[in-house]
C-alpha atoms as a PDB file:
ATOM      1  CA  MET A   1       0.000   0.000   0.000  1.00  0.00           C
ATOM      2  CA  GLU A   2       2.815   2.413   0.880  1.00  0.00           C
ATOM      3  CA  ASN A   3       4.599   1.719  -2.420  1.00  0.00           C
ATOM      4  CA  GLU A   4       1.359   2.245  -4.350  1.00  0.00           C
ATOM      5  CA  ARG A   5       0.827   5.578  -2.607  1.00  0.00           C
ATOM      6  CA  HIS A   6       4.408   6.604  -3.315  1.00  0.00           C
ATOM      7  CA  ASP A   7       4.143   5.673  -7.013  1.00  0.00           C
ATOM      8  CA  ARG A   8       0.842   7.518  -7.356  1.00  0.00           C
ATOM      9  CA  ASN A   9       2.268  10.659  -5.741  1.00  0.00           C
ATOM     10  CA  VAL A  10       5.315  10.503  -8.013  1.00  0.00           C
ATOM     11  CA  GLU A  11       3.023  10.252 -11.056  1.00  0.00           C
ATOM     12  CA  VAL A  12       1.040  13.288  -9.893  1.00  0.00           C
ATOM     13  CA  ASP A  13       4.252  15.207  -9.197  1.00  0.00           C
ATOM     14  CA  ASP A  14       5.464  14.491 -12.736  1.00  0.00           C
ATOM     15  CA  LEU A  15       2.212  15.750 -14.251  1.00  0.00           C
ATOM     16  CA  LEU A  16       2.286  18.897 -12.128  1.00  0.00           C
ATOM     17  CA  GLU A  17       5.880  19.657 -13.062  1.00  0.00           C
ATOM     18  CA  ILE A  18       5.156  19.207 -16.760  1.00  0.00           C
ATOM     19  CA  TRP A  19       2.205  21.559 -16.413  1.00  0.00           C
ATOM     20  CA  GLU A  20       4.282  24.125 -14.503  1.00  0.00           C
ATOM     21  CA  TRP A  21       6.690  24.142 -17.447  1.00  0.00           C
ATOM     22  CA  CYS A  22       3.844  24.583 -19.934  1.00  0.00           C
ATOM     23  CA  SER A  23       1.682  27.095 -18.041  1.00  0.00           C
ATOM     24  CA  ARG A  24       2.005  30.759 -18.950  1.00  0.00           C
ATOM     25  CA  ARG A  25       1.082  31.624 -15.367  1.00  0.00           C
ATOM     26  CA  LEU A  26       3.439  29.164 -13.637  1.00  0.00           C
ATOM     27  CA  HIS A  27       6.362  29.082 -16.064  1.00  0.00           C
ATOM     28  CA  VAL A  28       8.446  31.724 -14.274  1.00  0.00           C
ATOM     29  CA  LYS A  29       8.178  29.769 -11.025  1.00  0.00           C
ATOM     30  CA  TRP A  30       9.158  26.597 -12.884  1.00  0.00           C
ATOM     31  CA  GLN A  31      12.265  28.332 -14.255  1.00  0.00           C
ATOM     32  CA  ARG A  32      13.535  28.980 -10.727  1.00  0.00           C
ATOM     33  CA  LYS A  33      13.480  25.314  -9.716  1.00  0.00           C
ATOM     34  CA  ARG A  34      16.697  23.397  -9.175  1.00  0.00           C
ATOM     35  CA  ARG A  35      16.942  20.345 -11.409  1.00  0.00           C
ATOM     36  CA  LEU A  36      18.971  17.161 -10.998  1.00  0.00           C
ATOM     37  CA  ARG A  37      20.297  15.066 -13.860  1.00  0.00           C
ATOM     38  CA  ASN A  38      20.295  11.767 -11.940  1.00  0.00           C
ATOM     39  CA  GLY A  39      16.736  11.028 -13.052  1.00  0.00           C
ATOM     40  CA  CYS A  40      17.992  10.862 -16.647  1.00  0.00           C
ATOM     41  CA  PHE A  41      20.296   7.979 -15.777  1.00  0.00           C
ATOM     42  CA  MET A  42      17.490   5.978 -14.198  1.00  0.00           C
ATOM     43  CA  GLY A  43      15.295   6.570 -17.245  1.00  0.00           C
ATOM     44  CA  ILE A  44      18.040   5.507 -19.663  1.00  0.00           C
ATOM     45  CA  ALA A  45      18.908   2.404 -17.622  1.00  0.00           C
ATOM     46  CA  VAL A  46      15.272   1.264 -17.528  1.00  0.00           C
ATOM     47  CA  ALA A  47      14.828   2.056 -21.234  1.00  0.00           C
ATOM     48  CA  LEU A  48      17.762  -0.184 -22.135  1.00  0.00           C
ATOM     49  CA  GLY A  49      16.218  -2.950 -20.032  1.00  0.00           C
ATOM     50  CA  ASP A  50      17.355  -6.521 -20.574  1.00  0.00           C
ATOM     51  CA  GLU A  51      19.845  -5.515 -23.259  1.00  0.00           C
ATOM     52  CA  THR A  52      22.282  -4.270 -20.631  1.00  0.00           C
ATOM     53  CA  SER A  53      20.761  -5.020 -17.188  1.00  0.00           C
ATOM     54  CA  LEU A  54      22.725  -2.082 -15.793  1.00  0.00           C
ATOM     55  CA  SER A  55      21.755   0.009 -12.802  1.00  0.00           C
ATOM     56  CA  PRO A  56      21.938   3.802 -13.286  1.00  0.00           C
ATOM     57  CA  LEU A  57      25.342   3.964 -11.596  1.00  0.00           C
ATOM     58  CA  GLN A  58      26.696   1.012 -13.566  1.00  0.00           C
ATOM     59  CA  LEU A  59      25.392   2.648 -16.737  1.00  0.00           C
ATOM     60  CA  LEU A  60      27.662   5.628 -16.142  1.00  0.00           C
ATOM     61  CA  GLN A  61      30.650   3.295 -15.905  1.00  0.00           C
ATOM     62  CA  GLU A  62      29.829   1.478 -19.152  1.00  0.00           C
ATOM     63  CA  TYR A  63      28.026   3.953 -21.409  1.00  0.00           C
ATOM     64  CA  LYS A  64      31.055   4.700 -23.625  1.00  0.00           C
ATOM     65  CA  ASN A  65      31.238   1.027 -24.555  1.00  0.00           C
ATOM     66  CA  LEU A  66      27.535   0.604 -25.361  1.00  0.00           C
ATOM     67  CA  PRO A  67      26.567   0.031 -29.012  1.00  0.00           C
ATOM     68  CA  ARG A  68      24.901   2.766 -31.022  1.00  0.00           C
ATOM     69  CA  PRO A  69      22.198   3.655 -31.757  1.00  0.00           C
ATOM     70  CA  LEU A  70      21.410   3.487 -28.053  1.00  0.00           C
ATOM     71  CA  LEU A  71      17.905   4.991 -27.864  1.00  0.00           C
ATOM     72  CA  ASN A  72      15.400   4.148 -30.569  1.00  0.00           C
ATOM     73  CA  ARG A  73      11.747   5.195 -30.636  1.00  0.00           C
ATOM     74  CA  GLU A  74      10.572   2.428 -28.313  1.00  0.00           C
ATOM     75  CA  LYS A  75      13.317   3.092 -25.786  1.00  0.00           C
ATOM     76  CA  VAL A  76      12.497   6.807 -25.677  1.00  0.00           C
ATOM     77  CA  LEU A  77       8.853   5.869 -25.065  1.00  0.00           C
ATOM     78  CA  THR A  78       9.989   3.743 -22.110  1.00  0.00           C
ATOM     79  CA  PHE A  79      12.179   6.612 -20.858  1.00  0.00           C
ATOM     80  CA  TRP A  80       9.089   8.859 -20.991  1.00  0.00           C
ATOM     81  CA  ARG A  81       6.962   6.305 -19.150  1.00  0.00           C
ATOM     82  CA  VAL A  82       9.351   5.939 -16.191  1.00  0.00           C
ATOM     83  CA  GLN A  83      11.009   9.392 -15.985  1.00  0.00           C
ATOM     84  CA  PRO A  84       9.043  11.945 -18.041  1.00  0.00           C
ATOM     85  CA  VAL A  85      10.267  15.070 -16.247  1.00  0.00           C
ATOM     86  CA  PRO A  86      14.008  14.292 -16.528  1.00  0.00           C
ATOM     87  CA  LEU A  87      13.460  13.425 -20.210  1.00  0.00           C
ATOM     88  CA  LEU A  88      11.674  16.744 -20.773  1.00  0.00           C
ATOM     89  CA  ASN A  89      14.403  18.657 -18.944  1.00  0.00           C
ATOM     90  CA  LEU A  90      17.108  16.811 -20.883  1.00  0.00           C
ATOM     91  CA  SER A  91      15.384  17.664 -24.160  1.00  0.00           C
ATOM     92  CA  LEU A  92      15.050  21.314 -23.157  1.00  0.00           C
ATOM     93  CA  GLY A  93      18.825  21.469 -22.745  1.00  0.00           C
ATOM     94  CA  LEU A  94      18.731  22.110 -18.988  1.00  0.00           C
ATOM     95  CA  PHE A  95      21.652  19.724 -18.333  1.00  0.00           C
ATOM     96  CA  THR A  96      23.698  20.678 -21.405  1.00  0.00           C
ATOM     97  CA  LYS A  97      24.844  23.846 -23.119  1.00  0.00           C
ATOM     98  CA  SER A  98      22.007  23.686 -25.627  1.00  0.00           C
ATOM     99  CA  SER A  99      19.460  21.390 -27.256  1.00  0.00           C
ATOM    100  CA  PRO A 100      18.135  21.166 -30.826  1.00  0.00           C
ATOM    101  CA  LEU A 101      14.727  20.319 -29.342  1.00  0.00           C
ATOM    102  CA  THR A 102      14.182  23.485 -27.284  1.00  0.00           C
ATOM    103  CA  LYS A 103      12.466  25.469 -30.049  1.00  0.00           C
ATOM    104  CA  ILE A 104      10.276  22.513 -31.021  1.00  0.00           C
ATOM    105  CA  LEU A 105       9.176  22.040 -27.419  1.00  0.00           C
ATOM    106  CA  ASN A 106       8.409  25.717 -26.964  1.00  0.00           C
ATOM    107  CA  ARG A 107       6.282  25.717 -30.127  1.00  0.00           C
ATOM    108  CA  LEU A 108       4.444  22.644 -28.851  1.00  0.00           C
ATOM    109  CA  ARG A 109       3.884  24.334 -25.489  1.00  0.00           C
ATOM    110  CA  ALA A 110       2.313  27.511 -26.867  1.00  0.00           C
ATOM    111  CA  PRO A 111      -1.220  26.216 -27.711  1.00  0.00           C
ATOM    112  CA  HIS A 112      -1.581  24.625 -24.261  1.00  0.00           C
ATOM    113  CA  GLU A 113      -0.174  27.312 -21.952  1.00  0.00           C
ATOM    114  CA  ASP A 114      -3.518  28.848 -20.901  1.00  0.00           C
ATOM    115  CA  ASN A 115      -5.620  26.412 -18.866  1.00  0.00           C
ATOM    116  CA  ALA A 116      -7.345  27.814 -15.794  1.00  0.00           C
ATOM    117  CA  ILE A 117      -8.404  24.348 -14.593  1.00  0.00           C
ATOM    118  CA  LEU A 118      -4.822  23.078 -14.510  1.00  0.00           C
ATOM    119  CA  ASP A 119      -3.496  26.290 -12.966  1.00  0.00           C
ATOM    120  CA  GLU A 120      -6.009  25.995 -10.139  1.00  0.00           C
ATOM    121  CA  LEU A 121      -5.337  22.278  -9.653  1.00  0.00           C
ATOM    122  CA  ALA A 122      -1.583  22.841  -9.517  1.00  0.00           C
ATOM    123  CA  LYS A 123      -1.978  25.608  -6.935  1.00  0.00           C
ATOM    124  CA  LYS A 124      -4.268  23.494  -4.745  1.00  0.00           C
ATOM    125  CA  MET A 125      -2.167  20.330  -4.975  1.00  0.00           C
ATOM    126  CA  ARG A 126       1.165  22.045  -4.353  1.00  0.00           C
ATOM    127  CA  CYS A 127      -0.268  23.819  -1.308  1.00  0.00           C
ATOM    128  CA  ARG A 128      -1.463  20.476   0.062  1.00  0.00           C
ATOM    129  CA  GLU A 129       1.944  18.894  -0.482  1.00  0.00           C
ATOM    130  CA  LYS A 130       3.774  21.807   1.148  1.00  0.00           C
ATOM    131  CA  HIS A 131       1.447  21.763   4.142  1.00  0.00           C
ATOM    132  CA  PHE A 132       1.923  18.015   4.612  1.00  0.00           C
ATOM    133  CA  GLY A 133       5.725  18.266   4.765  1.00  0.00           C
ATOM    134  CA  SER A 134       8.720  16.062   4.012  1.00  0.00           C
ATOM    135  CA  GLU A 135       6.855  12.737   4.221  1.00  0.00           C
ATOM    136  CA  TRP A 136       4.453  13.645   1.426  1.00  0.00           C
ATOM    137  CA  PHE A 137       5.547  11.030  -1.130  1.00  0.00           C
ATOM    138  CA  SER A 138       5.149   8.091   1.250  1.00  0.00           C
ATOM    139  CA  GLU A 139       2.305   9.413   3.438  1.00  0.00           C
ATOM    140  CA  GLY A 140       0.368  12.035   1.465  1.00  0.00           C
ATOM    141  CA  HIS A 141      -2.843  11.722  -0.521  1.00  0.00           C
ATOM    142  CA  HIS A 142      -4.629  13.795  -3.159  1.00  0.00           C
ATOM    143  CA  PRO A 143      -8.411  13.318  -3.613  1.00  0.00           C
ATOM    144  CA  GLU A 144      -9.195  10.867  -6.394  1.00  0.00           C
ATOM    145  CA  ARG A 145     -11.411  13.342  -8.248  1.00  0.00           C
ATOM    146  CA  GLU A 146      -8.521  15.825  -8.472  1.00  0.00           C
ATOM    147  CA  VAL A 147      -6.136  13.156  -9.747  1.00  0.00           C
ATOM    148  CA  ARG A 148      -8.634  12.063 -12.414  1.00  0.00           C
ATOM    149  CA  LEU A 149      -9.163  15.653 -13.525  1.00  0.00           C
ATOM    150  CA  LEU A 150      -5.415  16.310 -13.653  1.00  0.00           C
ATOM    151  CA  LYS A 151      -4.835  13.249 -15.837  1.00  0.00           C
ATOM    152  CA  LYS A 152      -7.730  14.149 -18.146  1.00  0.00           C
ATOM    153  CA  GLU A 153      -6.597  17.749 -18.662  1.00  0.00           C
ATOM    154  CA  MET A 154      -2.930  16.754 -19.139  1.00  0.00           C
ATOM    155  CA  ARG A 155      -3.581  13.920 -21.601  1.00  0.00           C
ATOM    156  CA  PRO A 156      -3.436  15.956 -24.865  1.00  0.00           C
ATOM    157  CA  LEU A 157      -0.231  17.790 -23.884  1.00  0.00           C
ATOM    158  CA  CYS A 158       1.509  14.634 -22.633  1.00  0.00           C
ATOM    159  CA  LYS A 159       0.613  12.701 -25.790  1.00  0.00           C
ATOM    160  CA  GLN A 160       2.091  15.400 -28.009  1.00  0.00           C
ATOM    161  CA  LEU A 161       5.253  15.590 -25.911  1.00  0.00           C
ATOM    162  CA  ARG A 162       5.656  11.819 -25.870  1.00  0.00           C
ATOM    163  CA  ASP A 163       5.132  11.422 -29.610  1.00  0.00           C
ATOM    164  CA  MET A 164       7.467  14.286 -30.501  1.00  0.00           C
ATOM    165  CA  LEU A 165      10.306  13.042 -28.273  1.00  0.00           C
ATOM    166  CA  ALA A 166       9.944   9.503 -29.627  1.00  0.00           C
ATOM    167  CA  LYS A 167      10.137  10.856 -33.185  1.00  0.00           C
ATOM    168  CA  GLU A 168      13.280  12.840 -32.284  1.00  0.00           C
ATOM    169  CA  HIS A 169      15.012   9.866 -30.638  1.00  0.00           C
ATOM    170  CA  GLY A 170      18.284  10.622 -32.426  1.00  0.00           C
ATOM    171  CA  ALA A 171      18.515  14.066 -30.827  1.00  0.00           C
ATOM    172  CA  VAL A 172      17.512  12.609 -27.450  1.00  0.00           C
ATOM    173  CA  GLU A 173      20.334  10.055 -27.736  1.00  0.00           C
ATOM    174  CA  LYS A 174      22.956  12.739 -28.453  1.00  0.00           C
ATOM    175  CA  LEU A 175      21.800  14.700 -25.417  1.00  0.00           C
ATOM    176  CA  ALA A 176      21.809  11.512 -23.318  1.00  0.00           C
ATOM    177  CA  PHE A 177      25.443  10.769 -24.158  1.00  0.00           C
ATOM    178  CA  GLU A 178      26.398  14.352 -23.366  1.00  0.00           C
ATOM    179  CA  VAL A 179      24.713  14.310 -19.957  1.00  0.00           C
ATOM    180  CA  MET A 180      26.083  10.859 -19.081  1.00  0.00           C
ATOM    181  CA  GLY A 181      29.540  12.372 -19.524  1.00  0.00           C
ATOM    182  CA  LYS A 182      28.788  14.761 -16.667  1.00  0.00           C
ATOM    183  CA  GLY A 183      28.379  11.872 -14.193  1.00  0.00           C
ATOM    184  CA  TRP A 184      26.309  11.278 -11.087  1.00  0.00           C
ATOM    185  CA  GLN A 185      25.403  14.099  -8.695  1.00  0.00           C
ATOM    186  CA  LEU A 186      26.583  12.664  -5.397  1.00  0.00           C
ATOM    187  CA  GLY A 187      24.128  13.056  -2.558  1.00  0.00           C
ATOM    188  CA  GLU A 188      21.650  14.842  -4.808  1.00  0.00           C
ATOM    189  CA  LEU A 189      18.319  13.106  -5.443  1.00  0.00           C
ATOM    190  CA  PRO A 190      14.876  14.308  -6.444  1.00  0.00           C
ATOM    191  CA  ALA A 191      12.412  14.233  -3.552  1.00  0.00           C
ATOM    192  CA  SER A 192      10.453  11.517  -5.335  1.00  0.00           C
ATOM    193  CA  TRP A 193      13.429   9.184  -4.909  1.00  0.00           C
ATOM    194  CA  SER A 194      13.090   9.300  -1.133  1.00  0.00           C
ATOM    195  CA  VAL A 195      12.563   5.541  -0.840  1.00  0.00           C
ATOM    196  CA  ARG A 196      15.660   3.394  -0.315  1.00  0.00           C
ATOM    197  CA  LYS A 197      16.149   0.171  -2.245  1.00  0.00           C
ATOM    198  CA  THR A 198      17.328  -1.606   0.915  1.00  0.00           C
ATOM    199  CA  PRO A 199      16.491  -1.312   4.644  1.00  0.00           C
ATOM    200  CA  GLU A 200      18.957   0.830   6.589  1.00  0.00           C
ATOM    201  CA  LYS A 201      19.702  -2.102   8.912  1.00  0.00           C
ATOM    202  CA  LEU A 202      20.121  -4.705   6.144  1.00  0.00           C
ATOM    203  CA  LEU A 203      23.826  -4.853   7.027  1.00  0.00           C
ATOM    204  CA  ASN A 204      25.106  -5.129  10.571  1.00  0.00           C
ATOM    205  CA  ARG A 205      26.774  -2.155  12.222  1.00  0.00           C
ATOM    206  CA  ALA A 206      30.322  -3.320  11.457  1.00  0.00           C
ATOM    207  CA  ASN A 207      29.662  -3.745   7.739  1.00  0.00           C
ATOM    208  CA  ARG A 208      27.790  -0.425   7.484  1.00  0.00           C
ATOM    209  CA  LEU A 209      30.731   1.326   9.128  1.00  0.00           C
ATOM    210  CA  LYS A 210      33.251  -0.437   6.870  1.00  0.00           C
ATOM    211  CA  LEU A 211      31.473   0.808   3.746  1.00  0.00           C
ATOM    212  CA  TRP A 212      31.056   4.304   5.163  1.00  0.00           C
ATOM    213  CA  GLN A 213      34.765   4.562   6.081  1.00  0.00           C
ATOM    214  CA  ALA A 214      35.782   3.386   2.609  1.00  0.00           C
ATOM    215  CA  ALA A 215      33.556   6.058   1.056  1.00  0.00           C
ATOM    216  CA  GLN A 216      34.997   8.784   3.293  1.00  0.00           C
ATOM    217  CA  GLU A 217      38.515   7.892   2.207  1.00  0.00           C
ATOM    218  CA  VAL A 218      37.543   8.263  -1.465  1.00  0.00           C
ATOM    219  CA  LEU A 219      35.681  11.526  -0.803  1.00  0.00           C
ATOM    220  CA  SER A 220      38.833  12.992   0.754  1.00  0.00           C
ATOM    221  CA  ARG A 221      40.749  12.641  -2.530  1.00  0.00           C
ATOM    222  CA  ASP A 222      41.116  15.448  -5.050  1.00  0.00           C
ATOM    223  CA  LEU A 223      39.076  13.843  -7.852  1.00  0.00           C
ATOM    224  CA  THR A 224      36.731  15.105 -10.523  1.00  0.00           C
ATOM    225  CA  GLU A 225      33.057  14.154 -10.140  1.00  0.00           C
ATOM    226  CA  GLU A 226      33.319  11.411 -12.778  1.00  0.00           C
ATOM    227  CA  GLU A 227      36.525  10.018 -11.229  1.00  0.00           C
ATOM    228  CA  MET A 228      34.911  10.180  -7.786  1.00  0.00           C
ATOM    229  CA  LEU A 229      31.910   8.151  -8.894  1.00  0.00           C
ATOM    230  CA  ALA A 230      34.085   5.501 -10.535  1.00  0.00           C
ATOM    231  CA  ALA A 231      36.302   5.220  -7.461  1.00  0.00           C
ATOM    232  CA  LEU A 232      33.375   5.056  -5.021  1.00  0.00           C
ATOM    233  CA  TRP A 233      31.589   2.398  -7.025  1.00  0.00           C
ATOM    234  CA  LYS A 234      34.725   0.238  -7.333  1.00  0.00           C
ATOM    235  CA  VAL A 235      35.800   0.569  -3.698  1.00  0.00           C
ATOM    236  CA  LEU A 236      32.362  -0.005  -2.172  1.00  0.00           C
ATOM    237  CA  TYR A 237      31.571  -2.978  -4.390  1.00  0.00           C
ATOM    238  CA  ARG A 238      34.888  -4.620  -3.493  1.00  0.00           C
ATOM    239  CA  LYS A 239      34.285  -4.081   0.225  1.00  0.00           C
ATOM    240  CA  ILE A 240      31.230  -6.362   0.088  1.00  0.00           C
ATOM    241  CA  THR A 241      32.652  -9.822   0.743  1.00  0.00           C
ATOM    242  CA  PRO A 242      31.194 -12.958  -0.893  1.00  0.00           C
ATOM    243  CA  SER A 243      29.576 -14.021   2.391  1.00  0.00           C
ATOM    244  CA  VAL A 244      27.970 -10.588   2.907  1.00  0.00           C
ATOM    245  CA  LYS A 245      26.838 -10.568  -0.727  1.00  0.00           C
ATOM    246  CA  ALA A 246      25.210 -13.971  -0.258  1.00  0.00           C
ATOM    247  CA  ALA A 247      23.416 -12.724   2.877  1.00  0.00           C
ATOM    248  CA  ILE A 248      22.164  -9.649   0.980  1.00  0.00           C
ATOM    249  CA  GLU A 249      20.867 -11.754  -1.909  1.00  0.00           C
ATOM    250  CA  ALA A 250      19.206 -14.211   0.487  1.00  0.00           C
ATOM    251  CA  GLN A 251      16.996 -11.317   1.626  1.00  0.00           C
ATOM    252  CA  GLY A 252      15.992 -10.416  -1.921  1.00  0.00           C
ATOM    253  CA  TYR A 253      18.435  -7.541  -2.584  1.00  0.00           C
ATOM    254  CA  THR A 254      21.679  -7.135  -4.526  1.00  0.00           C
ATOM    255  CA  ALA A 255      25.122  -5.773  -3.735  1.00  0.00           C
ATOM    256  CA  ALA A 256      24.468  -3.051  -6.339  1.00  0.00           C
ATOM    257  CA  ASP A 257      21.347  -1.997  -4.381  1.00  0.00           C
ATOM    258  CA  VAL A 258      23.451  -1.610  -1.227  1.00  0.00           C
ATOM    259  CA  VAL A 259      26.127   0.424  -3.023  1.00  0.00           C
ATOM    260  CA  GLU A 260      23.550   2.747  -4.595  1.00  0.00           C
ATOM    261  CA  ASP A 261      21.854   3.370  -1.242  1.00  0.00           C
ATOM    262  CA  MET A 262      25.246   4.120   0.295  1.00  0.00           C
ATOM    263  CA  LEU A 263      25.993   6.650  -2.448  1.00  0.00           C
ATOM    264  CA  ASN A 264      22.523   8.205  -2.472  1.00  0.00           C
ATOM    265  CA  PHE A 265      21.669   8.242   1.236  1.00  0.00           C
ATOM    266  CA  ASP A 266      24.519   7.279   3.555  1.00  0.00           C
ATOM    267  CA  ILE A 267      27.875   8.776   2.577  1.00  0.00           C
ATOM    268  CA  ARG A 268      26.887  12.227   3.858  1.00  0.00           C
ATOM    269  CA  LYS A 269      25.835  10.885   7.271  1.00  0.00           C
ATOM    270  CA  SER A 270      28.006  11.204  10.360  1.00  0.00           C
ATOM    271  CA  ARG A 271      29.848   8.253  11.877  1.00  0.00           C
ATOM    272  CA  ASP A 272      27.403   8.240  14.797  1.00  0.00           C
ATOM    273  CA  GLU A 273      24.410   8.101  12.431  1.00  0.00           C
ATOM    274  CA  MET A 274      25.925   5.136  10.605  1.00  0.00           C
ATOM    275  CA  THR A 275      26.496   3.131  13.790  1.00  0.00           C
ATOM    276  CA  ALA A 276      23.253   4.031  15.570  1.00  0.00           C
END
């Protein structure tokens, strides 16, 4: 039930953000938002699916060796289905110096930018989320009638965006390779990614501390962001012994899940927090 609520709230958040980009009234507020590129890597990894079976972090280690073309029409459609906002932001050139799709997207936006129903819904829903606080994605709830109305009003815009981006898959691929070269944003996740892949206490205290200490040693080096990610991934993965890996897998998780949670949630914690 909690996962269903989380997924539903993420879907609503995506629709609201797409509308805030489109809306004449809300566009200036949308422009001020901070955006993270990590969502692009999740979308690309899922889009590639069984062809690579790479996690987002593994993808960034291997992307230069992947065959091209990487993203065809169907893969861009999958990218849109799982991470529509990062795909839109990527296509707008928000993570790169420019994008050949920006003008096309702005022309597509123009006929839809005045919609009083969506403006009012966005205002009401965002106020509810803000009032609820930091646990919104896992605990919050929008009335069903508002969600239905949001989906109905957004359907024409989302269909046009989806179809256009799928048609322009070659341009999307070029942008994807450019943004993958920038690497992971350590410790920076969208709020909708607030759910860990593994329980915090999956590992015992000694093993949690061992991974944390290894990460701190890498963080203390004078490395670029891309070098830092590669070093963290390699060091943390090697620190998980075969016996610990077997224990992780026996509980339905993977060593990669543990490493990603360490990078996304734990490396910025204090020593006391890690051993609590």
